[in-house]
Amino acid sequence: MPELYQSLSHSRWHCKYHVVFVPKRRRKVLFGQARQRLGRIFHALARQKECRILEGHILCDHVHMCIEIPPKYAASSVIGFLKGESGIAIGRELSGK
């Protein structure tokens, strides 16, 4: 059972969150090139915040994600970071810059 928990300097933890992103008015914008690249982008951004995406599904109008977030970060700040930075990154990639 030790592999189930992770540890920081003074704590052992096991924090998983189920997150769903939905674009405004559930527009079907997550398809084609954007859908293919979003998985890599989400994983790279999660590593920046010392998080790990355990499972994820990108559908045409929403994203399901099971993410492990260390307790030293607020879940809302990590999710806000993922949503904001992924939008910026996918915009840069698809515009060609």
C-alpha atoms as a PDB file:
ATOM      1  CA  MET A   1       0.000   0.000   0.000  1.00  0.00           C
ATOM      2  CA  PRO A   2       2.950   2.446   0.225  1.00  0.00           C
ATOM      3  CA  GLU A   3       2.852   3.025  -3.558  1.00  0.00           C
ATOM      4  CA  LEU A   4      -0.713   4.318  -3.214  1.00  0.00           C
ATOM      5  CA  TYR A   5       0.366   7.415  -1.287  1.00  0.00           C
ATOM      6  CA  GLN A   6       2.862  10.072  -2.300  1.00  0.00           C
ATOM      7  CA  SER A   7       4.783  12.194   0.149  1.00  0.00           C
ATOM      8  CA  LEU A   8       6.038  15.696   0.697  1.00  0.00           C
ATOM      9  CA  SER A   9       8.530  16.638   3.398  1.00  0.00           C
ATOM     10  CA  HIS A  10       5.995  16.473   6.254  1.00  0.00           C
ATOM     11  CA  SER A  11       2.966  14.694   4.838  1.00  0.00           C
ATOM     12  CA  ARG A  12       1.716  11.698   2.922  1.00  0.00           C
ATOM     13  CA  TRP A  13      -1.115  12.312   0.496  1.00  0.00           C
ATOM     14  CA  HIS A  14      -3.501  10.806  -2.004  1.00  0.00           C
ATOM     15  CA  CYS A  15      -5.589  13.609  -3.589  1.00  0.00           C
ATOM     16  CA  LYS A  16      -7.445  12.871  -6.819  1.00  0.00           C
ATOM     17  CA  TYR A  17      -9.955  15.170  -8.491  1.00  0.00           C
ATOM     18  CA  HIS A  18     -12.420  14.553 -11.306  1.00  0.00           C
ATOM     19  CA  VAL A  19     -12.569  17.695 -13.443  1.00  0.00           C
ATOM     20  CA  VAL A  20     -14.814  18.554 -16.395  1.00  0.00           C
ATOM     21  CA  PHE A  21     -14.079  21.520 -18.700  1.00  0.00           C
ATOM     22  CA  VAL A  22     -16.994  22.768 -20.796  1.00  0.00           C
ATOM     23  CA  PRO A  23     -16.617  25.561 -23.416  1.00  0.00           C
ATOM     24  CA  LYS A  24     -19.151  28.386 -23.361  1.00  0.00           C
ATOM     25  CA  ARG A  25     -22.559  27.275 -24.585  1.00  0.00           C
ATOM     26  CA  ARG A  26     -21.098  23.768 -25.112  1.00  0.00           C
ATOM     27  CA  ARG A  27     -19.806  24.715 -28.541  1.00  0.00           C
ATOM     28  CA  LYS A  28     -18.272  21.780 -30.366  1.00  0.00           C
ATOM     29  CA  VAL A  29     -14.771  23.229 -30.757  1.00  0.00           C
ATOM     30  CA  LEU A  30     -12.580  20.366 -29.509  1.00  0.00           C
ATOM     31  CA  PHE A  31     -12.010  18.352 -32.650  1.00  0.00           C
ATOM     32  CA  GLY A  32      -9.407  17.833 -35.361  1.00  0.00           C
ATOM     33  CA  GLN A  33      -5.967  19.279 -34.725  1.00  0.00           C
ATOM     34  CA  ALA A  34      -6.934  20.904 -31.439  1.00  0.00           C
ATOM     35  CA  ARG A  35      -8.106  17.592 -29.980  1.00  0.00           C
ATOM     36  CA  GLN A  36      -4.926  15.782 -30.970  1.00  0.00           C
ATOM     37  CA  ARG A  37      -2.633  18.383 -29.413  1.00  0.00           C
ATOM     38  CA  LEU A  38      -4.571  19.112 -26.223  1.00  0.00           C
ATOM     39  CA  GLY A  39      -3.565  15.836 -24.554  1.00  0.00           C
ATOM     40  CA  ARG A  40       0.139  16.646 -24.826  1.00  0.00           C
ATOM     41  CA  ILE A  41      -0.438  20.225 -23.735  1.00  0.00           C
ATOM     42  CA  PHE A  42      -2.436  19.200 -20.642  1.00  0.00           C
ATOM     43  CA  HIS A  43       0.236  16.690 -19.570  1.00  0.00           C
ATOM     44  CA  ALA A  44       3.072  19.207 -20.025  1.00  0.00           C
ATOM     45  CA  LEU A  45       1.242  21.900 -18.056  1.00  0.00           C
ATOM     46  CA  ALA A  46       0.351  19.459 -15.264  1.00  0.00           C
ATOM     47  CA  ARG A  47       4.024  18.518 -14.894  1.00  0.00           C
ATOM     48  CA  GLN A  48       4.870  22.210 -14.420  1.00  0.00           C
ATOM     49  CA  LYS A  49       2.622  22.256 -11.324  1.00  0.00           C
ATOM     50  CA  GLU A  50       3.917  18.863 -10.043  1.00  0.00           C
ATOM     51  CA  CYS A  51       0.571  17.245 -10.896  1.00  0.00           C
ATOM     52  CA  ARG A  52      -0.182  14.045 -12.746  1.00  0.00           C
ATOM     53  CA  ILE A  53      -3.079  13.358 -15.091  1.00  0.00           C
ATOM     54  CA  LEU A  54      -4.209   9.805 -14.398  1.00  0.00           C
ATOM     55  CA  GLU A  55      -6.966   9.574 -16.986  1.00  0.00           C
ATOM     56  CA  GLY A  56      -8.555  11.912 -19.479  1.00  0.00           C
ATOM     57  CA  HIS A  57     -11.097  11.982 -22.282  1.00  0.00           C
ATOM     58  CA  ILE A  58     -11.397  14.824 -24.784  1.00  0.00           C
ATOM     59  CA  LEU A  59     -14.808  14.864 -26.432  1.00  0.00           C
ATOM     60  CA  CYS A  60     -16.026  17.378 -29.017  1.00  0.00           C
ATOM     61  CA  ASP A  61     -17.780  19.614 -26.473  1.00  0.00           C
ATOM     62  CA  HIS A  62     -16.102  18.885 -23.113  1.00  0.00           C
ATOM     63  CA  VAL A  63     -13.045  17.377 -21.399  1.00  0.00           C
ATOM     64  CA  HIS A  64     -13.065  14.832 -18.543  1.00  0.00           C
ATOM     65  CA  MET A  65      -9.892  14.537 -16.491  1.00  0.00           C
ATOM     66  CA  CYS A  66      -8.834  12.638 -13.367  1.00  0.00           C
ATOM     67  CA  ILE A  67      -5.896  14.570 -11.948  1.00  0.00           C
ATOM     68  CA  GLU A  68      -3.679  14.103  -8.903  1.00  0.00           C
ATOM     69  CA  ILE A  69      -2.814  17.449  -7.272  1.00  0.00           C
ATOM     70  CA  PRO A  70      -0.405  17.789  -4.312  1.00  0.00           C
ATOM     71  CA  PRO A  71      -1.974  19.399  -1.219  1.00  0.00           C
ATOM     72  CA  LYS A  72       0.475  22.318  -1.343  1.00  0.00           C
ATOM     73  CA  TYR A  73      -1.481  23.645  -4.354  1.00  0.00           C
ATOM     74  CA  ALA A  74      -5.121  24.692  -4.315  1.00  0.00           C
ATOM     75  CA  ALA A  75      -7.110  22.615  -6.793  1.00  0.00           C
ATOM     76  CA  SER A  76      -8.819  25.721  -8.165  1.00  0.00           C
ATOM     77  CA  SER A  77      -5.513  27.443  -8.940  1.00  0.00           C
ATOM     78  CA  VAL A  78      -4.144  24.382 -10.761  1.00  0.00           C
ATOM     79  CA  ILE A  79      -7.320  23.972 -12.810  1.00  0.00           C
ATOM     80  CA  GLY A  80      -7.358  27.698 -13.636  1.00  0.00           C
ATOM     81  CA  PHE A  81      -3.728  27.421 -14.738  1.00  0.00           C
ATOM     82  CA  LEU A  82      -4.488  24.388 -16.925  1.00  0.00           C
ATOM     83  CA  LYS A  83      -7.497  26.009 -18.576  1.00  0.00           C
ATOM     84  CA  GLY A  84      -5.828  29.362 -19.183  1.00  0.00           C
ATOM     85  CA  GLU A  85      -2.451  28.160 -20.375  1.00  0.00           C
ATOM     86  CA  SER A  86      -3.894  25.380 -22.551  1.00  0.00           C
ATOM     87  CA  GLY A  87      -6.062  27.921 -24.371  1.00  0.00           C
ATOM     88  CA  ILE A  88      -3.059  30.143 -24.989  1.00  0.00           C
ATOM     89  CA  ALA A  89      -0.875  27.209 -26.084  1.00  0.00           C
ATOM     90  CA  ILE A  90      -3.421  25.736 -28.495  1.00  0.00           C
ATOM     91  CA  GLY A  91      -4.025  29.201 -29.965  1.00  0.00           C
ATOM     92  CA  ARG A  92      -0.305  29.644 -30.581  1.00  0.00           C
ATOM     93  CA  GLU A  93       0.084  26.198 -32.156  1.00  0.00           C
ATOM     94  CA  LEU A  94      -2.899  26.470 -34.455  1.00  0.00           C
ATOM     95  CA  SER A  95      -2.092  30.016 -35.579  1.00  0.00           C
ATOM     96  CA  GLY A  96       1.373  28.871 -36.658  1.00  0.00           C
ATOM     97  CA  LYS A  97       3.472  31.131 -34.405  1.00  0.00           C
END
